[in-house]
C-alpha atoms as a PDB file:
ATOM      1  CA  MET A   1     -26.801   7.403  18.685  1.00  0.00           C
ATOM      2  CA  GLU A   2     -27.541   9.255  15.492  1.00  0.00           C
ATOM      3  CA  LEU A   3     -28.162   7.076  12.452  1.00  0.00           C
ATOM      4  CA  LEU A   4     -27.291   8.051   8.898  1.00  0.00           C
ATOM      5  CA  ASP A   5     -29.749   7.475   6.115  1.00  0.00           C
ATOM      6  CA  ILE A   6     -28.657   5.959   2.829  1.00  0.00           C
ATOM      7  CA  GLY A   7     -28.336   9.376   1.166  1.00  0.00           C
ATOM      8  CA  ASP A   8     -26.003  10.645   3.903  1.00  0.00           C
ATOM      9  CA  VAL A   9     -23.892   7.491   3.731  1.00  0.00           C
ATOM     10  CA  SER A  10     -23.740   7.760  -0.040  1.00  0.00           C
ATOM     11  CA  GLU A  11     -22.641  11.387   0.079  1.00  0.00           C
ATOM     12  CA  ARG A  12     -20.065  10.890   2.839  1.00  0.00           C
ATOM     13  CA  SER A  13     -18.582   7.696   1.431  1.00  0.00           C
ATOM     14  CA  GLY A  14     -18.768   8.414  -2.290  1.00  0.00           C
ATOM     15  CA  THR A  15     -20.647   5.131  -2.739  1.00  0.00           C
ATOM     16  CA  SER A  16     -23.832   5.209  -4.782  1.00  0.00           C
ATOM     17  CA  PRO A  17     -27.083   4.198  -3.086  1.00  0.00           C
ATOM     18  CA  SER A  18     -27.430   1.316  -5.552  1.00  0.00           C
ATOM     19  CA  ALA A  19     -23.962   0.050  -4.563  1.00  0.00           C
ATOM     20  CA  LEU A  20     -24.917   0.319  -0.886  1.00  0.00           C
ATOM     21  CA  ARG A  21     -28.033  -1.768  -1.513  1.00  0.00           C
ATOM     22  CA  TYR A  22     -25.958  -4.277  -3.467  1.00  0.00           C
ATOM     23  CA  TYR A  23     -23.350  -4.510  -0.682  1.00  0.00           C
ATOM     24  CA  GLU A  24     -26.166  -5.114   1.765  1.00  0.00           C
ATOM     25  CA  LYS A  25     -27.619  -7.834  -0.447  1.00  0.00           C
ATOM     26  CA  ARG A  26     -24.157  -9.477  -0.610  1.00  0.00           C
ATOM     27  CA  GLY A  27     -23.733  -9.266   3.166  1.00  0.00           C
ATOM     28  CA  LEU A  28     -20.853  -6.758   3.223  1.00  0.00           C
ATOM     29  CA  ILE A  29     -22.837  -4.146   5.158  1.00  0.00           C
ATOM     30  CA  GLU A  30     -26.038  -4.087   7.157  1.00  0.00           C
ATOM     31  CA  ALA A  31     -28.711  -1.433   7.595  1.00  0.00           C
ATOM     32  CA  ILE A  32     -29.730  -1.036  11.237  1.00  0.00           C
ATOM     33  CA  SER A  33     -33.262   0.143  10.529  1.00  0.00           C
ATOM     34  CA  ARG A  34     -35.464   1.966   8.074  1.00  0.00           C
ATOM     35  CA  LYS A  35     -37.075   5.351   8.196  1.00  0.00           C
ATOM     36  CA  GLY A  36     -39.916   4.935   5.784  1.00  0.00           C
ATOM     37  CA  LEU A  37     -38.332   3.289   2.773  1.00  0.00           C
ATOM     38  CA  ARG A  38     -34.861   4.723   3.443  1.00  0.00           C
ATOM     39  CA  ARG A  39     -32.229   2.492   4.996  1.00  0.00           C
ATOM     40  CA  GLN A  40     -30.509   3.728   8.151  1.00  0.00           C
ATOM     41  CA  TYR A  41     -26.886   2.952   9.077  1.00  0.00           C
ATOM     42  CA  GLU A  42     -24.641   3.450  12.083  1.00  0.00           C
ATOM     43  CA  PRO A  43     -21.823   5.959  11.497  1.00  0.00           C
ATOM     44  CA  SER A  44     -19.360   3.048  11.824  1.00  0.00           C
ATOM     45  CA  ILE A  45     -20.414   2.014   8.315  1.00  0.00           C
ATOM     46  CA  LEU A  46     -18.169   4.741   6.850  1.00  0.00           C
ATOM     47  CA  PRO A  47     -14.799   3.167   7.767  1.00  0.00           C
ATOM     48  CA  ARG A  48     -16.164  -0.204   6.629  1.00  0.00           C
ATOM     49  CA  LEU A  49     -17.034   1.285   3.234  1.00  0.00           C
ATOM     50  CA  ALA A  50     -13.545   2.813   3.032  1.00  0.00           C
ATOM     51  CA  LEU A  51     -12.108  -0.654   3.638  1.00  0.00           C
ATOM     52  CA  ILE A  52     -14.357  -2.082   0.898  1.00  0.00           C
ATOM     53  CA  ARG A  53     -13.088   0.624  -1.495  1.00  0.00           C
ATOM     54  CA  LEU A  54      -9.485  -0.206  -0.558  1.00  0.00           C
ATOM     55  CA  CYS A  55     -10.077  -3.897  -1.250  1.00  0.00           C
ATOM     56  CA  GLN A  56     -11.672  -3.084  -4.604  1.00  0.00           C
ATOM     57  CA  ALA A  57      -8.815  -0.750  -5.551  1.00  0.00           C
ATOM     58  CA  ALA A  58      -6.389  -3.558  -4.691  1.00  0.00           C
ATOM     59  CA  GLY A  59      -8.238  -5.878  -7.055  1.00  0.00           C
ATOM     60  CA  PHE A  60     -10.080  -8.092  -4.581  1.00  0.00           C
ATOM     61  CA  ASN A  61     -13.512  -9.206  -5.756  1.00  0.00           C
ATOM     62  CA  LEU A  62     -16.520  -8.799  -3.467  1.00  0.00           C
ATOM     63  CA  GLU A  63     -16.381 -12.406  -2.269  1.00  0.00           C
ATOM     64  CA  GLU A  64     -12.737 -12.029  -1.247  1.00  0.00           C
ATOM     65  CA  THR A  65     -13.543  -8.677   0.330  1.00  0.00           C
ATOM     66  CA  ALA A  66     -16.431 -10.146   2.333  1.00  0.00           C
ATOM     67  CA  GLU A  67     -14.121 -12.864   3.687  1.00  0.00           C
ATOM     68  CA  MET A  68     -11.673 -10.239   4.956  1.00  0.00           C
ATOM     69  CA  LEU A  69     -14.142  -7.749   6.420  1.00  0.00           C
ATOM     70  CA  PRO A  70     -14.074  -7.643  10.187  1.00  0.00           C
ATOM     71  CA  ASP A  71     -17.098  -8.093  12.422  1.00  0.00           C
ATOM     72  CA  GLU A  72     -15.741  -5.864  15.167  1.00  0.00           C
ATOM     73  CA  PRO A  73     -14.133  -2.400  15.278  1.00  0.00           C
ATOM     74  CA  ARG A  74     -10.707  -3.821  16.229  1.00  0.00           C
ATOM     75  CA  PHE A  75      -9.496  -6.219  13.588  1.00  0.00           C
ATOM     76  CA  THR A  76      -6.554  -7.679  11.749  1.00  0.00           C
ATOM     77  CA  LEU A  77      -6.684  -8.292   8.022  1.00  0.00           C
ATOM     78  CA  ASP A  78      -5.249 -11.441   6.455  1.00  0.00           C
ATOM     79  CA  ARG A  79      -1.632 -10.379   6.017  1.00  0.00           C
ATOM     80  CA  ASP A  80      -0.821 -13.271   3.679  1.00  0.00           C
ATOM     81  CA  LYS A  81      -3.620 -12.304   1.274  1.00  0.00           C
ATOM     82  CA  ILE A  82      -2.592  -8.649   1.421  1.00  0.00           C
ATOM     83  CA  THR A  83       1.069  -9.528   0.773  1.00  0.00           C
ATOM     84  CA  ALA A  84       0.132 -11.797  -2.143  1.00  0.00           C
ATOM     85  CA  ARG A  85      -1.985  -9.014  -3.677  1.00  0.00           C
ATOM     86  CA  ALA A  86       0.857  -6.510  -3.245  1.00  0.00           C
ATOM     87  CA  ASP A  87       3.180  -8.978  -4.997  1.00  0.00           C
ATOM     88  CA  ASP A  88       0.664  -9.282  -7.855  1.00  0.00           C
ATOM     89  CA  ILE A  89       0.488  -5.503  -8.151  1.00  0.00           C
ATOM     90  CA  ASP A  90       4.300  -5.243  -8.190  1.00  0.00           C
ATOM     91  CA  ALA A  91       4.405  -7.796 -11.025  1.00  0.00           C
ATOM     92  CA  GLN A  92       1.761  -5.826 -12.941  1.00  0.00           C
ATOM     93  CA  ILE A  93       3.764  -2.635 -12.470  1.00  0.00           C
ATOM     94  CA  GLU A  94       6.859  -4.347 -13.861  1.00  0.00           C
ATOM     95  CA  ASP A  95       4.892  -5.605 -16.870  1.00  0.00           C
ATOM     96  CA  LEU A  96       3.349  -2.179 -17.459  1.00  0.00           C
ATOM     97  CA  GLU A  97       6.769  -0.489 -17.262  1.00  0.00           C
ATOM     98  CA  LYS A  98       8.020  -2.843 -19.979  1.00  0.00           C
ATOM     99  CA  LEU A  99       4.968  -2.073 -22.072  1.00  0.00           C
ATOM    100  CA  SER A 100       5.476   1.661 -21.583  1.00  0.00           C
ATOM    101  CA  LYS A 101       9.132   1.335 -22.610  1.00  0.00           C
ATOM    102  CA  LEU A 102       8.118  -0.502 -25.770  1.00  0.00           C
ATOM    103  CA  LEU A 103       5.454   2.039 -26.687  1.00  0.00           C
ATOM    104  CA  ARG A 104       7.835   4.966 -26.129  1.00  0.00           C
ATOM    105  CA  HIS A 105      10.454   3.284 -28.287  1.00  0.00           C
ATOM    106  CA  ILE A 106       7.911   2.661 -31.049  1.00  0.00           C
ATOM    107  CA  ALA A 107       6.883   6.313 -30.908  1.00  0.00           C
ATOM    108  CA  LYS A 108      10.483   7.656 -31.064  1.00  0.00           C
ATOM    109  CA  CYS A 109      12.291   5.013 -33.107  1.00  0.00           C
ATOM    110  CA  THR A 110      14.282   6.485 -35.988  1.00  0.00           C
ATOM    111  CA  ALA A 111      14.923   3.198 -37.771  1.00  0.00           C
ATOM    112  CA  PRO A 112      13.596   3.045 -41.339  1.00  0.00           C
ATOM    113  CA  SER A 113      11.202   0.316 -40.199  1.00  0.00           C
ATOM    114  CA  HIS A 114      10.344  -1.055 -36.762  1.00  0.00           C
ATOM    115  CA  ALA A 115      11.017  -4.521 -38.156  1.00  0.00           C
ATOM    116  CA  GLU A 116      14.624  -3.454 -38.768  1.00  0.00           C
ATOM    117  CA  CYS A 117      15.165  -1.978 -35.297  1.00  0.00           C
ATOM    118  CA  PRO A 118      17.121  -4.343 -32.997  1.00  0.00           C
ATOM    119  CA  ASN A 119      16.077  -2.416 -29.887  1.00  0.00           C
ATOM    120  CA  PHE A 120      12.416  -2.727 -30.823  1.00  0.00           C
ATOM    121  CA  GLN A 121      12.799  -6.459 -31.420  1.00  0.00           C
ATOM    122  CA  ALA A 122      14.618  -6.928 -28.079  1.00  0.00           C
ATOM    123  CA  VAL A 123      11.965  -5.071 -26.117  1.00  0.00           C
ATOM    124  CA  LEU A 124       9.210  -6.891 -28.001  1.00  0.00           C
ATOM    125  CA  ASN A 125      10.769 -10.254 -27.164  1.00  0.00           C
ATOM    126  CA  SER A 126      11.125  -9.293 -23.490  1.00  0.00           C
ATOM    127  CA  LEU A 127       7.374  -8.859 -22.996  1.00  0.00           C
ATOM    128  CA  PRO A 128       5.789 -11.532 -20.820  1.00  0.00           C
ATOM    129  CA  HIS A 129       3.681 -14.183 -22.469  1.00  0.00           C
ATOM    130  CA  LYS A 130       0.812 -13.565 -20.066  1.00  0.00           C
ATOM    131  CA  LYS A 131      -1.814 -10.917 -20.598  1.00  0.00           C
ATOM    132  CA  VAL A 132      -0.350  -7.569 -19.491  1.00  0.00           C
ATOM    133  CA  LEU A 133      -3.562  -5.635 -18.965  1.00  0.00           C
ATOM    134  CA  ARG A 134      -6.658  -6.953 -17.244  1.00  0.00           C
END
């Protein structure tokens, strides 16, 4: 079996060598051997890194990601965690759409003053009380 060195893995996965070393330190990935000072990985590391990127894009932290990463090629992810994250993302999208609507209204409002615009006030009052952007 042909092993990939850290530079090859970095290039193929789009993950920096420093991130690969950090993932290894955190236990998300494992180098199989070393060739001199360069870490060597099995080609199966590439789909694992893609899964790590997916988890990060979905907003999971590295600890949560590590808990979900499989130890074998055939695996099932925690569907409840994935569903909960999708629900969170849907809620964020809804909040961001409201924010976008407000900003577009502010930009196009023809009222003499935004304080006098009932539409602006209604949209402003409809914003959630929680932090919209992370």
